[in-house]
């Protein structure tokens, strides 16, 4: 399996025979004497688990507040879709380019270590990542300041996503319609999730919905799922995502059930700004804007039910 993955990545990125390695010079051209100093060379390879753990640490340092147990589920989505750029053996940049299907991918974790910026490494890693995604429609959640840069690469703004945070004091809900997601509900939840994302993502969700590291709750009425959500512990507090619901009623009850898991700690919710009901839900429970991202797409914009999206899954994977 690993040999097949290695051959696939080398083919897509035009890597040499040595597994995982792509040598690029800083300026994209040979020096006059054709000798490239090691400090100007970038090695791009597929991340191993410890590389992804490091990239998550970088994301935390940038203020993204990742979950404590995100790495395994992220890699489950596309084990080959996480790339790291190294100078020598030292990681200096990261990008995730998850191929959810033959038609859609999502880009995230685009980070260059602060002491290695303005050397062309980020651009080279970006090129490698976009080559891996090919002609797929690609989504990303980028900081607003980078919106013009993404636009130059063909990305078009769809809407803003806003992170809200606060410390709602909510007691656990006693409602038989709020059911923990186990094997008995798993297939129905996977089916319910499908319209909310631009491609199937069963590998990711089967991990994300496991109860060992997250709490996943569905709203079930008359045998029909009418919403579901997930909460997980993060570097700071708890984050709810996704939170999908048919109406404001189910969204509110699910939010209460999920937020109560924080037991007084901070709660964060990443919501699409066009959903006014989601904004009202955040305000109702005392959550305030923390920061925002620009949801952008290269290619055909997916038609997603934003009016029923009260919280996106993650900024990193969509």
C-alpha atoms as a PDB file:
ATOM      1  CA  UNK A   1       0.000   0.000   0.000  1.00  0.00           C
ATOM      2  CA  UNK A   2       2.749   2.460   0.935  1.00  0.00           C
ATOM      3  CA  UNK A   3       4.725   1.610  -2.226  1.00  0.00           C
ATOM      4  CA  UNK A   4       1.631   2.309  -4.336  1.00  0.00           C
ATOM      5  CA  UNK A   5       1.063   5.608  -2.541  1.00  0.00           C
ATOM      6  CA  UNK A   6       4.704   6.598  -3.044  1.00  0.00           C
ATOM      7  CA  UNK A   7       4.565   5.854  -6.766  1.00  0.00           C
ATOM      8  CA  UNK A   8       1.325   7.809  -7.103  1.00  0.00           C
ATOM      9  CA  UNK A   9       2.734  10.879  -5.368  1.00  0.00           C
ATOM     10  CA  UNK A  10       5.962  10.772  -7.384  1.00  0.00           C
ATOM     11  CA  UNK A  11       3.930  10.568 -10.569  1.00  0.00           C
ATOM     12  CA  UNK A  12       1.675  13.499  -9.693  1.00  0.00           C
ATOM     13  CA  UNK A  13       4.461  15.740  -8.445  1.00  0.00           C
ATOM     14  CA  UNK A  14       7.030  14.546 -11.006  1.00  0.00           C
ATOM     15  CA  UNK A  15       9.350  13.426  -8.220  1.00  0.00           C
ATOM     16  CA  UNK A  16      12.663  11.685  -8.886  1.00  0.00           C
ATOM     17  CA  UNK A  17      13.184   8.016  -8.072  1.00  0.00           C
ATOM     18  CA  UNK A  18      14.164   8.709  -4.479  1.00  0.00           C
ATOM     19  CA  UNK A  19      10.801   8.418  -2.607  1.00  0.00           C
ATOM     20  CA  UNK A  20       9.119  11.619  -1.477  1.00  0.00           C
ATOM     21  CA  UNK A  21      11.889  13.962  -2.651  1.00  0.00           C
ATOM     22  CA  UNK A  22      11.560  16.961  -4.946  1.00  0.00           C
ATOM     23  CA  UNK A  23      14.487  19.364  -5.157  1.00  0.00           C
ATOM     24  CA  UNK A  24      13.729  22.955  -6.118  1.00  0.00           C
ATOM     25  CA  UNK A  25      15.960  25.983  -6.026  1.00  0.00           C
ATOM     26  CA  UNK A  26      14.877  29.180  -4.311  1.00  0.00           C
ATOM     27  CA  UNK A  27      14.235  31.212  -7.464  1.00  0.00           C
ATOM     28  CA  UNK A  28      13.083  28.425  -9.748  1.00  0.00           C
ATOM     29  CA  UNK A  29      16.190  28.638 -11.963  1.00  0.00           C
ATOM     30  CA  UNK A  30      19.750  27.373 -11.924  1.00  0.00           C
ATOM     31  CA  UNK A  31      22.520  29.593 -10.593  1.00  0.00           C
ATOM     32  CA  UNK A  32      25.158  30.533 -13.147  1.00  0.00           C
ATOM     33  CA  UNK A  33      27.641  28.066 -11.704  1.00  0.00           C
ATOM     34  CA  UNK A  34      24.846  25.405 -11.451  1.00  0.00           C
ATOM     35  CA  UNK A  35      25.724  24.796  -7.817  1.00  0.00           C
ATOM     36  CA  UNK A  36      22.784  25.058  -5.445  1.00  0.00           C
ATOM     37  CA  UNK A  37      23.605  25.623  -1.814  1.00  0.00           C
ATOM     38  CA  UNK A  38      21.698  23.362   0.549  1.00  0.00           C
ATOM     39  CA  UNK A  39      20.106  26.318   2.270  1.00  0.00           C
ATOM     40  CA  UNK A  40      18.372  27.287  -0.974  1.00  0.00           C
ATOM     41  CA  UNK A  41      16.957  23.840  -1.684  1.00  0.00           C
ATOM     42  CA  UNK A  42      13.507  22.649  -0.726  1.00  0.00           C
ATOM     43  CA  UNK A  43      12.554  19.024  -0.288  1.00  0.00           C
ATOM     44  CA  UNK A  44       8.829  18.312  -0.620  1.00  0.00           C
ATOM     45  CA  UNK A  45       7.462  15.029   0.654  1.00  0.00           C
ATOM     46  CA  UNK A  46       4.280  13.498   1.992  1.00  0.00           C
ATOM     47  CA  UNK A  47       3.898  14.108   5.706  1.00  0.00           C
ATOM     48  CA  UNK A  48       4.395  11.376   8.213  1.00  0.00           C
ATOM     49  CA  UNK A  49       2.375  11.548  11.409  1.00  0.00           C
ATOM     50  CA  UNK A  50       5.018  13.492  13.311  1.00  0.00           C
ATOM     51  CA  UNK A  51       5.128  16.041  10.479  1.00  0.00           C
ATOM     52  CA  UNK A  52       1.372  16.594  10.719  1.00  0.00           C
ATOM     53  CA  UNK A  53       1.647  16.960  14.480  1.00  0.00           C
ATOM     54  CA  UNK A  54       4.225  19.692  13.868  1.00  0.00           C
ATOM     55  CA  UNK A  55       2.012  21.413  11.279  1.00  0.00           C
ATOM     56  CA  UNK A  56      -0.837  21.385  13.796  1.00  0.00           C
ATOM     57  CA  UNK A  57       1.510  23.020  16.312  1.00  0.00           C
ATOM     58  CA  UNK A  58       2.265  25.711  13.715  1.00  0.00           C
ATOM     59  CA  UNK A  59      -1.466  26.215  13.158  1.00  0.00           C
ATOM     60  CA  UNK A  60      -1.933  26.623  16.902  1.00  0.00           C
ATOM     61  CA  UNK A  61       0.831  29.241  16.978  1.00  0.00           C
ATOM     62  CA  UNK A  62      -1.015  31.110  14.197  1.00  0.00           C
ATOM     63  CA  UNK A  63      -4.125  31.232  16.402  1.00  0.00           C
ATOM     64  CA  UNK A  64      -6.218  28.556  14.655  1.00  0.00           C
ATOM     65  CA  UNK A  65      -6.838  26.605  17.890  1.00  0.00           C
ATOM     66  CA  UNK A  66      -6.821  23.065  16.464  1.00  0.00           C
ATOM     67  CA  UNK A  67      -8.368  20.099  18.229  1.00  0.00           C
ATOM     68  CA  UNK A  68      -6.315  17.902  20.520  1.00  0.00           C
ATOM     69  CA  UNK A  69      -6.914  14.755  18.461  1.00  0.00           C
ATOM     70  CA  UNK A  70      -7.403  16.018  14.906  1.00  0.00           C
ATOM     71  CA  UNK A  71      -4.400  14.497  13.157  1.00  0.00           C
ATOM     72  CA  UNK A  72      -5.647  10.928  12.787  1.00  0.00           C
ATOM     73  CA  UNK A  73      -8.958  11.934  11.231  1.00  0.00           C
ATOM     74  CA  UNK A  74      -7.297  14.475   8.956  1.00  0.00           C
ATOM     75  CA  UNK A  75      -4.957  11.837   7.554  1.00  0.00           C
ATOM     76  CA  UNK A  76      -7.854   9.407   7.175  1.00  0.00           C
ATOM     77  CA  UNK A  77      -9.406  11.803   4.653  1.00  0.00           C
ATOM     78  CA  UNK A  78      -6.423  11.463   2.301  1.00  0.00           C
ATOM     79  CA  UNK A  79      -3.168   9.995   3.670  1.00  0.00           C
ATOM     80  CA  UNK A  80      -1.198  11.376   0.723  1.00  0.00           C
ATOM     81  CA  UNK A  81      -2.784  14.831   0.837  1.00  0.00           C
ATOM     82  CA  UNK A  82      -0.478  16.410   3.419  1.00  0.00           C
ATOM     83  CA  UNK A  83       2.838  17.794   2.197  1.00  0.00           C
ATOM     84  CA  UNK A  84       5.791  19.210   4.087  1.00  0.00           C
ATOM     85  CA  UNK A  85       8.641  21.302   2.688  1.00  0.00           C
ATOM     86  CA  UNK A  86      12.050  20.808   4.260  1.00  0.00           C
ATOM     87  CA  UNK A  87      15.442  22.475   4.025  1.00  0.00           C
ATOM     88  CA  UNK A  88      17.778  19.592   4.598  1.00  0.00           C
ATOM     89  CA  UNK A  89      15.954  17.522   7.195  1.00  0.00           C
ATOM     90  CA  UNK A  90      14.282  20.539   8.813  1.00  0.00           C
ATOM     91  CA  UNK A  91      10.564  21.160   8.127  1.00  0.00           C
ATOM     92  CA  UNK A  92       9.913  24.772   7.131  1.00  0.00           C
ATOM     93  CA  UNK A  93       6.490  24.764   5.430  1.00  0.00           C
ATOM     94  CA  UNK A  94       3.265  22.773   5.246  1.00  0.00           C
ATOM     95  CA  UNK A  95       0.168  22.426   3.101  1.00  0.00           C
ATOM     96  CA  UNK A  96      -2.794  20.043   3.024  1.00  0.00           C
ATOM     97  CA  UNK A  97      -4.390  19.224  -0.309  1.00  0.00           C
ATOM     98  CA  UNK A  98      -7.057  16.648   0.429  1.00  0.00           C
ATOM     99  CA  UNK A  99      -8.541  14.912  -2.594  1.00  0.00           C
ATOM    100  CA  UNK A 100     -12.065  14.021  -1.492  1.00  0.00           C
ATOM    101  CA  UNK A 101     -13.076  12.830  -4.958  1.00  0.00           C
ATOM    102  CA  UNK A 102     -12.060  13.050  -8.600  1.00  0.00           C
ATOM    103  CA  UNK A 103     -13.932  16.380  -8.768  1.00  0.00           C
ATOM    104  CA  UNK A 104     -13.273  18.140  -5.435  1.00  0.00           C
ATOM    105  CA  UNK A 105     -10.406  18.854  -3.071  1.00  0.00           C
ATOM    106  CA  UNK A 106      -9.740  21.164  -0.144  1.00  0.00           C
ATOM    107  CA  UNK A 107      -6.604  23.127   0.715  1.00  0.00           C
ATOM    108  CA  UNK A 108      -5.446  24.057   4.196  1.00  0.00           C
ATOM    109  CA  UNK A 109      -2.499  24.149   6.605  1.00  0.00           C
ATOM    110  CA  UNK A 110      -0.698  26.517   4.215  1.00  0.00           C
ATOM    111  CA  UNK A 111       1.982  27.732   6.588  1.00  0.00           C
ATOM    112  CA  UNK A 112       5.597  28.780   6.192  1.00  0.00           C
ATOM    113  CA  UNK A 113       7.604  28.945   9.382  1.00  0.00           C
ATOM    114  CA  UNK A 114       8.050  32.599  10.304  1.00  0.00           C
ATOM    115  CA  UNK A 115      11.853  32.545  10.111  1.00  0.00           C
ATOM    116  CA  UNK A 116      11.784  30.965   6.619  1.00  0.00           C
ATOM    117  CA  UNK A 117       9.380  33.321   4.843  1.00  0.00           C
ATOM    118  CA  UNK A 118      10.163  35.426   1.758  1.00  0.00           C
ATOM    119  CA  UNK A 119      12.471  32.752   0.351  1.00  0.00           C
ATOM    120  CA  UNK A 120      10.063  31.302  -2.203  1.00  0.00           C
ATOM    121  CA  UNK A 121       9.427  28.113  -0.250  1.00  0.00           C
ATOM    122  CA  UNK A 122       5.720  28.734   0.237  1.00  0.00           C
ATOM    123  CA  UNK A 123       5.144  29.324  -3.461  1.00  0.00           C
ATOM    124  CA  UNK A 124       6.971  26.118  -4.417  1.00  0.00           C
ATOM    125  CA  UNK A 125       4.980  24.094  -1.917  1.00  0.00           C
ATOM    126  CA  UNK A 126       1.777  25.718  -3.192  1.00  0.00           C
ATOM    127  CA  UNK A 127       2.666  24.665  -6.732  1.00  0.00           C
ATOM    128  CA  UNK A 128       3.273  21.094  -5.652  1.00  0.00           C
ATOM    129  CA  UNK A 129      -0.006  20.997  -3.741  1.00  0.00           C
ATOM    130  CA  UNK A 130      -2.029  22.399  -6.606  1.00  0.00           C
ATOM    131  CA  UNK A 131      -0.385  19.910  -8.973  1.00  0.00           C
ATOM    132  CA  UNK A 132      -1.546  17.098  -6.697  1.00  0.00           C
ATOM    133  CA  UNK A 133      -5.120  18.448  -6.818  1.00  0.00           C
ATOM    134  CA  UNK A 134      -5.053  18.649 -10.610  1.00  0.00           C
ATOM    135  CA  UNK A 135      -8.153  20.059 -12.298  1.00  0.00           C
ATOM    136  CA  UNK A 136     -10.475  19.495  -9.349  1.00  0.00           C
ATOM    137  CA  UNK A 137     -12.627  22.236  -7.903  1.00  0.00           C
ATOM    138  CA  UNK A 138     -10.673  23.348  -4.829  1.00  0.00           C
ATOM    139  CA  UNK A 139     -11.992  25.035  -1.692  1.00  0.00           C
ATOM    140  CA  UNK A 140     -10.101  26.829   1.057  1.00  0.00           C
ATOM    141  CA  UNK A 141     -10.682  28.938   4.143  1.00  0.00           C
ATOM    142  CA  UNK A 142      -8.048  31.663   4.010  1.00  0.00           C
ATOM    143  CA  UNK A 143      -7.320  34.648   6.177  1.00  0.00           C
ATOM    144  CA  UNK A 144      -8.867  37.734   4.657  1.00  0.00           C
ATOM    145  CA  UNK A 145      -5.485  39.426   4.209  1.00  0.00           C
ATOM    146  CA  UNK A 146      -4.463  36.714   1.728  1.00  0.00           C
ATOM    147  CA  UNK A 147      -7.645  36.917  -0.346  1.00  0.00           C
ATOM    148  CA  UNK A 148      -5.980  38.843  -3.183  1.00  0.00           C
ATOM    149  CA  UNK A 149      -3.134  36.346  -3.354  1.00  0.00           C
ATOM    150  CA  UNK A 150      -5.562  33.449  -3.636  1.00  0.00           C
ATOM    151  CA  UNK A 151      -7.525  35.349  -6.282  1.00  0.00           C
ATOM    152  CA  UNK A 152      -4.391  35.540  -8.408  1.00  0.00           C
ATOM    153  CA  UNK A 153      -4.345  31.739  -8.369  1.00  0.00           C
ATOM    154  CA  UNK A 154      -7.911  31.587  -9.659  1.00  0.00           C
ATOM    155  CA  UNK A 155      -9.830  31.427  -6.374  1.00  0.00           C
ATOM    156  CA  UNK A 156     -13.108  33.344  -6.087  1.00  0.00           C
ATOM    157  CA  UNK A 157     -14.712  34.510  -2.847  1.00  0.00           C
ATOM    158  CA  UNK A 158     -17.906  32.621  -1.950  1.00  0.00           C
ATOM    159  CA  UNK A 159     -18.635  34.013   1.526  1.00  0.00           C
ATOM    160  CA  UNK A 160     -17.080  34.721   4.891  1.00  0.00           C
ATOM    161  CA  UNK A 161     -16.845  32.176   7.686  1.00  0.00           C
ATOM    162  CA  UNK A 162     -16.684  33.692  11.163  1.00  0.00           C
ATOM    163  CA  UNK A 163     -15.410  32.054  14.331  1.00  0.00           C
ATOM    164  CA  UNK A 164     -17.481  32.942  17.386  1.00  0.00           C
ATOM    165  CA  UNK A 165     -16.359  32.184  20.916  1.00  0.00           C
ATOM    166  CA  UNK A 166     -17.547  32.573  24.484  1.00  0.00           C
ATOM    167  CA  UNK A 167     -18.335  30.750  27.713  1.00  0.00           C
ATOM    168  CA  UNK A 168     -22.041  29.881  27.632  1.00  0.00           C
ATOM    169  CA  UNK A 169     -23.373  28.500  30.890  1.00  0.00           C
ATOM    170  CA  UNK A 170     -25.585  25.671  29.697  1.00  0.00           C
ATOM    171  CA  UNK A 171     -26.846  22.663  31.612  1.00  0.00           C
ATOM    172  CA  UNK A 172     -27.083  19.290  29.831  1.00  0.00           C
ATOM    173  CA  UNK A 173     -30.338  18.828  27.920  1.00  0.00           C
ATOM    174  CA  UNK A 174     -32.670  15.954  28.797  1.00  0.00           C
ATOM    175  CA  UNK A 175     -34.396  15.226  25.526  1.00  0.00           C
ATOM    176  CA  UNK A 176     -34.862  11.752  24.074  1.00  0.00           C
ATOM    177  CA  UNK A 177     -34.575  13.185  20.574  1.00  0.00           C
ATOM    178  CA  UNK A 178     -30.923  14.069  21.261  1.00  0.00           C
ATOM    179  CA  UNK A 179     -29.082  10.801  20.731  1.00  0.00           C
ATOM    180  CA  UNK A 180     -25.400   9.961  20.883  1.00  0.00           C
ATOM    181  CA  UNK A 181     -24.173   8.849  17.475  1.00  0.00           C
ATOM    182  CA  UNK A 182     -23.142   5.207  17.589  1.00  0.00           C
ATOM    183  CA  UNK A 183     -23.079   2.376  15.110  1.00  0.00           C
ATOM    184  CA  UNK A 184     -26.869   2.301  15.064  1.00  0.00           C
ATOM    185  CA  UNK A 185     -27.050   5.862  13.672  1.00  0.00           C
ATOM    186  CA  UNK A 186     -23.778   6.048  11.775  1.00  0.00           C
ATOM    187  CA  UNK A 187     -25.020   5.189   8.287  1.00  0.00           C
ATOM    188  CA  UNK A 188     -28.010   7.515   8.592  1.00  0.00           C
ATOM    189  CA  UNK A 189     -25.740  10.364   9.721  1.00  0.00           C
ATOM    190  CA  UNK A 190     -23.376   9.752   6.807  1.00  0.00           C
ATOM    191  CA  UNK A 191     -26.364  10.013   4.477  1.00  0.00           C
ATOM    192  CA  UNK A 192     -27.622  13.179   6.203  1.00  0.00           C
ATOM    193  CA  UNK A 193     -24.181  14.806   5.899  1.00  0.00           C
ATOM    194  CA  UNK A 194     -23.831  14.220   2.166  1.00  0.00           C
ATOM    195  CA  UNK A 195     -25.676  17.375   0.876  1.00  0.00           C
ATOM    196  CA  UNK A 196     -23.651  19.584   3.217  1.00  0.00           C
ATOM    197  CA  UNK A 197     -20.291  18.873   1.596  1.00  0.00           C
ATOM    198  CA  UNK A 198     -19.058  19.107  -1.965  1.00  0.00           C
ATOM    199  CA  UNK A 199     -17.939  15.455  -2.130  1.00  0.00           C
ATOM    200  CA  UNK A 200     -18.313  12.214  -0.188  1.00  0.00           C
ATOM    201  CA  UNK A 201     -16.167  12.217   2.940  1.00  0.00           C
ATOM    202  CA  UNK A 202     -16.986   8.942   4.637  1.00  0.00           C
ATOM    203  CA  UNK A 203     -13.386   8.107   5.584  1.00  0.00           C
ATOM    204  CA  UNK A 204     -13.068  11.381   7.460  1.00  0.00           C
ATOM    205  CA  UNK A 205     -16.491  11.163   9.114  1.00  0.00           C
ATOM    206  CA  UNK A 206     -16.145   7.547  10.241  1.00  0.00           C
ATOM    207  CA  UNK A 207     -13.148   8.727  12.246  1.00  0.00           C
ATOM    208  CA  UNK A 208     -14.629  12.107  13.269  1.00  0.00           C
ATOM    209  CA  UNK A 209     -17.768  10.499  14.694  1.00  0.00           C
ATOM    210  CA  UNK A 210     -15.985   7.966  16.891  1.00  0.00           C
ATOM    211  CA  UNK A 211     -16.785   8.621  20.555  1.00  0.00           C
ATOM    212  CA  UNK A 212     -13.225   8.153  21.858  1.00  0.00           C
ATOM    213  CA  UNK A 213     -12.075  11.732  21.186  1.00  0.00           C
ATOM    214  CA  UNK A 214     -15.251  13.665  20.335  1.00  0.00           C
ATOM    215  CA  UNK A 215     -18.898  13.853  21.335  1.00  0.00           C
ATOM    216  CA  UNK A 216     -21.291  13.453  18.408  1.00  0.00           C
ATOM    217  CA  UNK A 217     -25.038  13.965  18.829  1.00  0.00           C
ATOM    218  CA  UNK A 218     -27.912  13.597  16.380  1.00  0.00           C
ATOM    219  CA  UNK A 219     -31.411  15.034  16.589  1.00  0.00           C
ATOM    220  CA  UNK A 220     -33.759  12.166  15.780  1.00  0.00           C
ATOM    221  CA  UNK A 221     -37.521  12.655  15.564  1.00  0.00           C
ATOM    222  CA  UNK A 222     -39.993  10.030  14.393  1.00  0.00           C
ATOM    223  CA  UNK A 223     -37.099   7.889  13.267  1.00  0.00           C
ATOM    224  CA  UNK A 224     -35.642  10.634  11.040  1.00  0.00           C
ATOM    225  CA  UNK A 225     -32.401  12.519  11.550  1.00  0.00           C
ATOM    226  CA  UNK A 226     -33.044  16.255  11.447  1.00  0.00           C
ATOM    227  CA  UNK A 227     -29.600  17.460  12.409  1.00  0.00           C
ATOM    228  CA  UNK A 228     -26.315  16.496  14.000  1.00  0.00           C
ATOM    229  CA  UNK A 229     -23.241  18.045  15.522  1.00  0.00           C
ATOM    230  CA  UNK A 230     -19.843  17.227  16.987  1.00  0.00           C
ATOM    231  CA  UNK A 231     -17.819  18.850  19.759  1.00  0.00           C
ATOM    232  CA  UNK A 232     -14.177  18.266  20.586  1.00  0.00           C
ATOM    233  CA  UNK A 233     -11.540  19.515  22.994  1.00  0.00           C
ATOM    234  CA  UNK A 234      -9.080  22.018  21.495  1.00  0.00           C
ATOM    235  CA  UNK A 235      -5.904  23.769  22.599  1.00  0.00           C
ATOM    236  CA  UNK A 236      -8.256  26.317  24.130  1.00  0.00           C
ATOM    237  CA  UNK A 237     -11.746  25.241  25.170  1.00  0.00           C
ATOM    238  CA  UNK A 238     -14.053  23.250  22.916  1.00  0.00           C
ATOM    239  CA  UNK A 239     -15.052  23.627  19.303  1.00  0.00           C
ATOM    240  CA  UNK A 240     -18.377  22.620  17.763  1.00  0.00           C
ATOM    241  CA  UNK A 241     -18.186  21.434  14.173  1.00  0.00           C
ATOM    242  CA  UNK A 242     -19.977  20.455  12.178  1.00  0.00           C
ATOM    243  CA  UNK A 243     -23.402  21.650  13.257  1.00  0.00           C
ATOM    244  CA  UNK A 244     -26.008  20.917  10.579  1.00  0.00           C
ATOM    245  CA  UNK A 245     -29.759  21.108  11.164  1.00  0.00           C
ATOM    246  CA  UNK A 246     -33.032  21.273   9.271  1.00  0.00           C
ATOM    247  CA  UNK A 247     -34.282  24.308  11.203  1.00  0.00           C
ATOM    248  CA  UNK A 248     -33.360  26.730  13.974  1.00  0.00           C
ATOM    249  CA  UNK A 249     -35.174  24.532  16.487  1.00  0.00           C
ATOM    250  CA  UNK A 250     -32.935  21.518  15.977  1.00  0.00           C
ATOM    251  CA  UNK A 251     -29.819  23.701  15.726  1.00  0.00           C
ATOM    252  CA  UNK A 252     -30.568  25.363  19.067  1.00  0.00           C
ATOM    253  CA  UNK A 253     -31.190  22.080  20.904  1.00  0.00           C
ATOM    254  CA  UNK A 254     -28.094  20.491  19.401  1.00  0.00           C
ATOM    255  CA  UNK A 255     -25.977  23.524  20.297  1.00  0.00           C
ATOM    256  CA  UNK A 256     -27.148  23.337  23.903  1.00  0.00           C
ATOM    257  CA  UNK A 257     -26.363  19.624  24.109  1.00  0.00           C
ATOM    258  CA  UNK A 258     -22.930  20.060  22.580  1.00  0.00           C
ATOM    259  CA  UNK A 259     -21.950  23.257  24.419  1.00  0.00           C
ATOM    260  CA  UNK A 260     -22.869  21.708  27.759  1.00  0.00           C
ATOM    261  CA  UNK A 261     -20.015  19.230  27.229  1.00  0.00           C
ATOM    262  CA  UNK A 262     -17.569  22.101  27.794  1.00  0.00           C
ATOM    263  CA  UNK A 263     -18.668  22.373  31.440  1.00  0.00           C
ATOM    264  CA  UNK A 264     -18.014  26.101  31.613  1.00  0.00           C
ATOM    265  CA  UNK A 265     -14.935  26.218  29.384  1.00  0.00           C
ATOM    266  CA  UNK A 266     -14.785  28.343  26.235  1.00  0.00           C
ATOM    267  CA  UNK A 267     -16.880  27.222  23.258  1.00  0.00           C
ATOM    268  CA  UNK A 268     -16.119  28.103  19.639  1.00  0.00           C
ATOM    269  CA  UNK A 269     -18.358  27.847  16.599  1.00  0.00           C
ATOM    270  CA  UNK A 270     -17.228  28.480  13.001  1.00  0.00           C
ATOM    271  CA  UNK A 271     -20.271  29.555  11.022  1.00  0.00           C
ATOM    272  CA  UNK A 272     -21.016  30.846   7.519  1.00  0.00           C
ATOM    273  CA  UNK A 273     -21.898  34.535   7.670  1.00  0.00           C
ATOM    274  CA  UNK A 274     -24.774  34.254   5.135  1.00  0.00           C
ATOM    275  CA  UNK A 275     -26.714  32.140   7.664  1.00  0.00           C
ATOM    276  CA  UNK A 276     -28.396  34.859   9.714  1.00  0.00           C
ATOM    277  CA  UNK A 277     -30.037  32.274  11.996  1.00  0.00           C
ATOM    278  CA  UNK A 278     -26.584  30.933  12.886  1.00  0.00           C
ATOM    279  CA  UNK A 279     -25.423  34.442  13.770  1.00  0.00           C
ATOM    280  CA  UNK A 280     -28.480  34.853  15.986  1.00  0.00           C
ATOM    281  CA  UNK A 281     -27.798  31.504  17.651  1.00  0.00           C
ATOM    282  CA  UNK A 282     -24.261  32.564  18.505  1.00  0.00           C
ATOM    283  CA  UNK A 283     -25.463  35.881  19.892  1.00  0.00           C
ATOM    284  CA  UNK A 284     -28.204  34.206  21.931  1.00  0.00           C
ATOM    285  CA  UNK A 285     -25.605  32.253  23.894  1.00  0.00           C
ATOM    286  CA  UNK A 286     -23.162  35.100  24.328  1.00  0.00           C
ATOM    287  CA  UNK A 287     -20.629  34.167  21.667  1.00  0.00           C
ATOM    288  CA  UNK A 288     -18.671  36.990  20.029  1.00  0.00           C
ATOM    289  CA  UNK A 289     -16.628  37.122  16.796  1.00  0.00           C
ATOM    290  CA  UNK A 290     -13.022  35.983  17.246  1.00  0.00           C
ATOM    291  CA  UNK A 291     -11.766  36.091  13.657  1.00  0.00           C
ATOM    292  CA  UNK A 292     -12.935  35.331  10.150  1.00  0.00           C
ATOM    293  CA  UNK A 293     -11.833  33.545   7.026  1.00  0.00           C
ATOM    294  CA  UNK A 294     -12.632  33.870   3.348  1.00  0.00           C
ATOM    295  CA  UNK A 295     -14.233  30.724   1.901  1.00  0.00           C
ATOM    296  CA  UNK A 296     -13.004  30.648  -1.670  1.00  0.00           C
ATOM    297  CA  UNK A 297     -13.187  28.192  -4.554  1.00  0.00           C
ATOM    298  CA  UNK A 298     -11.194  27.594  -7.681  1.00  0.00           C
ATOM    299  CA  UNK A 299     -13.569  26.102 -10.212  1.00  0.00           C
ATOM    300  CA  UNK A 300     -17.298  25.575  -9.967  1.00  0.00           C
ATOM    301  CA  UNK A 301     -18.695  26.760  -6.647  1.00  0.00           C
ATOM    302  CA  UNK A 302     -20.537  23.954  -4.824  1.00  0.00           C
ATOM    303  CA  UNK A 303     -24.230  24.514  -4.117  1.00  0.00           C
ATOM    304  CA  UNK A 304     -24.337  23.885  -0.366  1.00  0.00           C
ATOM    305  CA  UNK A 305     -27.257  24.438   2.047  1.00  0.00           C
ATOM    306  CA  UNK A 306     -25.754  27.341   4.002  1.00  0.00           C
ATOM    307  CA  UNK A 307     -29.140  28.135   5.569  1.00  0.00           C
ATOM    308  CA  UNK A 308     -28.906  24.787   7.376  1.00  0.00           C
ATOM    309  CA  UNK A 309     -25.188  25.052   8.131  1.00  0.00           C
ATOM    310  CA  UNK A 310     -24.802  26.396  11.656  1.00  0.00           C
ATOM    311  CA  UNK A 311     -21.186  25.346  12.008  1.00  0.00           C
ATOM    312  CA  UNK A 312     -18.626  24.101   9.486  1.00  0.00           C
ATOM    313  CA  UNK A 313     -16.549  21.031  10.311  1.00  0.00           C
ATOM    314  CA  UNK A 314     -13.043  22.516  10.265  1.00  0.00           C
ATOM    315  CA  UNK A 315     -11.218  25.406   8.639  1.00  0.00           C
ATOM    316  CA  UNK A 316      -8.451  22.997   7.669  1.00  0.00           C
ATOM    317  CA  UNK A 317     -10.504  20.366   5.790  1.00  0.00           C
ATOM    318  CA  UNK A 318     -13.737  22.191   5.003  1.00  0.00           C
END
